[in-house]
Amino acid sequence: MTRTCTTGARNANSKLYGVSWRIARTLGFRRLITYTQAGESGASLRAAGFRPVADLRPRPGWSTVSRPREARGVDGIRRTRWEIRADR
């Protein structure tokens, strides 16, 4: 999952993650992953059944010689990879 967005209703993000996983599983997916940035608690992910599986070092940026990109302000931030799996 790349991004979620809610109106701020109570538990909306947790519910959105949960529904997304149920739909993905129905479509045959075995795993769903997403990321949080350092400083984000991941409470909505935990509530939906996701588990932290990796702490990732900061990326220097997304730009490469073969694929130049502008900085978006999220370079150099540690991240956590979260996943939920069908076999758990």
C-alpha atoms as a PDB file:
ATOM      1  CA  MET A   1       0.000   0.000   0.000  1.00  0.00           C
ATOM      2  CA  THR A   2       1.353   3.359  -0.885  1.00  0.00           C
ATOM      3  CA  ARG A   3      -0.894   5.777   0.955  1.00  0.00           C
ATOM      4  CA  THR A   4      -4.200   6.019   2.799  1.00  0.00           C
ATOM      5  CA  CYS A   5      -6.369   9.038   3.423  1.00  0.00           C
ATOM      6  CA  THR A   6      -9.349   9.540   5.734  1.00  0.00           C
ATOM      7  CA  THR A   7     -11.554  12.361   6.946  1.00  0.00           C
ATOM      8  CA  GLY A   8     -10.191  11.878  10.454  1.00  0.00           C
ATOM      9  CA  ALA A   9     -13.075   9.734  11.696  1.00  0.00           C
ATOM     10  CA  ARG A  10     -12.181   7.581  14.691  1.00  0.00           C
ATOM     11  CA  ASN A  11     -10.402   4.322  13.723  1.00  0.00           C
ATOM     12  CA  ALA A  12     -10.973   5.045  10.015  1.00  0.00           C
ATOM     13  CA  ASN A  13      -7.391   4.307   9.005  1.00  0.00           C
ATOM     14  CA  SER A  14      -7.319   0.971  10.848  1.00  0.00           C
ATOM     15  CA  LYS A  15     -10.587   0.000   9.191  1.00  0.00           C
ATOM     16  CA  LEU A  16      -9.261   1.043   5.786  1.00  0.00           C
ATOM     17  CA  TYR A  17      -6.148  -1.109   6.230  1.00  0.00           C
ATOM     18  CA  GLY A  18      -8.297  -4.041   7.341  1.00  0.00           C
ATOM     19  CA  VAL A  19     -10.691  -3.774   4.392  1.00  0.00           C
ATOM     20  CA  SER A  20      -7.782  -3.377   1.974  1.00  0.00           C
ATOM     21  CA  TRP A  21      -6.224  -6.577   3.269  1.00  0.00           C
ATOM     22  CA  ARG A  22      -9.481  -8.521   3.030  1.00  0.00           C
ATOM     23  CA  ILE A  23      -9.932  -7.389  -0.583  1.00  0.00           C
ATOM     24  CA  ALA A  24      -6.312  -8.166  -1.458  1.00  0.00           C
ATOM     25  CA  ARG A  25      -6.640 -11.652   0.066  1.00  0.00           C
ATOM     26  CA  THR A  26      -9.852 -12.266  -1.881  1.00  0.00           C
ATOM     27  CA  LEU A  27      -7.957 -11.342  -5.052  1.00  0.00           C
ATOM     28  CA  GLY A  28      -5.285 -13.932  -4.238  1.00  0.00           C
ATOM     29  CA  PHE A  29      -2.613 -11.800  -2.608  1.00  0.00           C
ATOM     30  CA  ARG A  30      -0.562 -13.595   0.057  1.00  0.00           C
ATOM     31  CA  ARG A  31       1.120 -10.523   1.551  1.00  0.00           C
ATOM     32  CA  LEU A  32       0.530  -6.777   1.812  1.00  0.00           C
ATOM     33  CA  ILE A  33       3.300  -4.359   2.761  1.00  0.00           C
ATOM     34  CA  THR A  34       3.486  -0.678   3.624  1.00  0.00           C
ATOM     35  CA  TYR A  35       5.898   1.692   5.347  1.00  0.00           C
ATOM     36  CA  THR A  36       5.887   4.296   8.089  1.00  0.00           C
ATOM     37  CA  GLN A  37       8.411   7.047   8.581  1.00  0.00           C
ATOM     38  CA  ALA A  38      10.438   7.443  11.759  1.00  0.00           C
ATOM     39  CA  GLY A  39       8.273   9.109  14.388  1.00  0.00           C
ATOM     40  CA  GLU A  40       5.012   7.504  13.208  1.00  0.00           C
ATOM     41  CA  SER A  41       3.667   4.992  15.715  1.00  0.00           C
ATOM     42  CA  GLY A  42       2.031   2.513  13.341  1.00  0.00           C
ATOM     43  CA  ALA A  43      -0.938   2.164  15.724  1.00  0.00           C
ATOM     44  CA  SER A  44      -3.430   1.891  12.845  1.00  0.00           C
ATOM     45  CA  LEU A  45      -1.324  -0.818  11.232  1.00  0.00           C
ATOM     46  CA  ARG A  46      -1.046  -2.804  14.467  1.00  0.00           C
ATOM     47  CA  ALA A  47      -4.801  -2.539  14.984  1.00  0.00           C
ATOM     48  CA  ALA A  48      -5.346  -3.971  11.480  1.00  0.00           C
ATOM     49  CA  GLY A  49      -3.002  -6.918  12.138  1.00  0.00           C
ATOM     50  CA  PHE A  50       0.171  -5.674  10.428  1.00  0.00           C
ATOM     51  CA  ARG A  51       3.538  -6.405  12.050  1.00  0.00           C
ATOM     52  CA  PRO A  52       6.796  -4.461  11.774  1.00  0.00           C
ATOM     53  CA  VAL A  53       9.297  -6.628   9.884  1.00  0.00           C
ATOM     54  CA  ALA A  54      12.246  -4.341   9.082  1.00  0.00           C
ATOM     55  CA  ASP A  55      13.807  -1.050  10.118  1.00  0.00           C
ATOM     56  CA  LEU A  56      15.256   0.592   7.038  1.00  0.00           C
ATOM     57  CA  ARG A  57      18.078   3.078   6.854  1.00  0.00           C
ATOM     58  CA  PRO A  58      17.388   6.456   5.272  1.00  0.00           C
ATOM     59  CA  ARG A  59      17.606   6.655   1.503  1.00  0.00           C
ATOM     60  CA  PRO A  60      19.785   9.424   0.133  1.00  0.00           C
ATOM     61  CA  GLY A  61      17.030  10.149  -2.397  1.00  0.00           C
ATOM     62  CA  TRP A  62      15.120   8.613  -5.274  1.00  0.00           C
ATOM     63  CA  SER A  63      17.066  10.320  -8.042  1.00  0.00           C
ATOM     64  CA  THR A  64      19.519   8.296 -10.105  1.00  0.00           C
ATOM     65  CA  VAL A  65      21.534   9.112 -13.219  1.00  0.00           C
ATOM     66  CA  SER A  66      19.187   7.031 -15.362  1.00  0.00           C
ATOM     67  CA  ARG A  67      16.045   8.358 -13.661  1.00  0.00           C
ATOM     68  CA  PRO A  68      16.480  11.898 -12.312  1.00  0.00           C
ATOM     69  CA  ARG A  69      13.835  13.046  -9.817  1.00  0.00           C
ATOM     70  CA  GLU A  70      13.312  16.126  -7.706  1.00  0.00           C
ATOM     71  CA  ALA A  71      13.612  15.904  -3.914  1.00  0.00           C
ATOM     72  CA  ARG A  72      10.221  15.644  -2.184  1.00  0.00           C
ATOM     73  CA  GLY A  73      11.296  16.342   1.374  1.00  0.00           C
ATOM     74  CA  VAL A  74      11.243  12.713   2.537  1.00  0.00           C
ATOM     75  CA  ASP A  75      14.832  11.821   1.697  1.00  0.00           C
ATOM     76  CA  GLY A  76      17.081  10.876   4.597  1.00  0.00           C
ATOM     77  CA  ILE A  77      14.259   9.592   6.854  1.00  0.00           C
ATOM     78  CA  ARG A  78      14.362   6.176   8.520  1.00  0.00           C
ATOM     79  CA  ARG A  79      11.417   3.921   7.734  1.00  0.00           C
ATOM     80  CA  THR A  80       9.782   0.787   9.082  1.00  0.00           C
ATOM     81  CA  ARG A  81       8.409  -1.885   6.757  1.00  0.00           C
ATOM     82  CA  TRP A  82       5.124  -3.450   7.910  1.00  0.00           C
ATOM     83  CA  GLU A  83       3.430  -6.510   6.520  1.00  0.00           C
ATOM     84  CA  ILE A  84       0.444  -8.735   6.943  1.00  0.00           C
ATOM     85  CA  ARG A  85       0.508 -12.261   5.553  1.00  0.00           C
ATOM     86  CA  ALA A  86      -2.109 -14.836   4.691  1.00  0.00           C
ATOM     87  CA  ASP A  87      -0.107 -17.631   6.364  1.00  0.00           C
ATOM     88  CA  ARG A  88      -0.266 -16.064   9.845  1.00  0.00           C
END
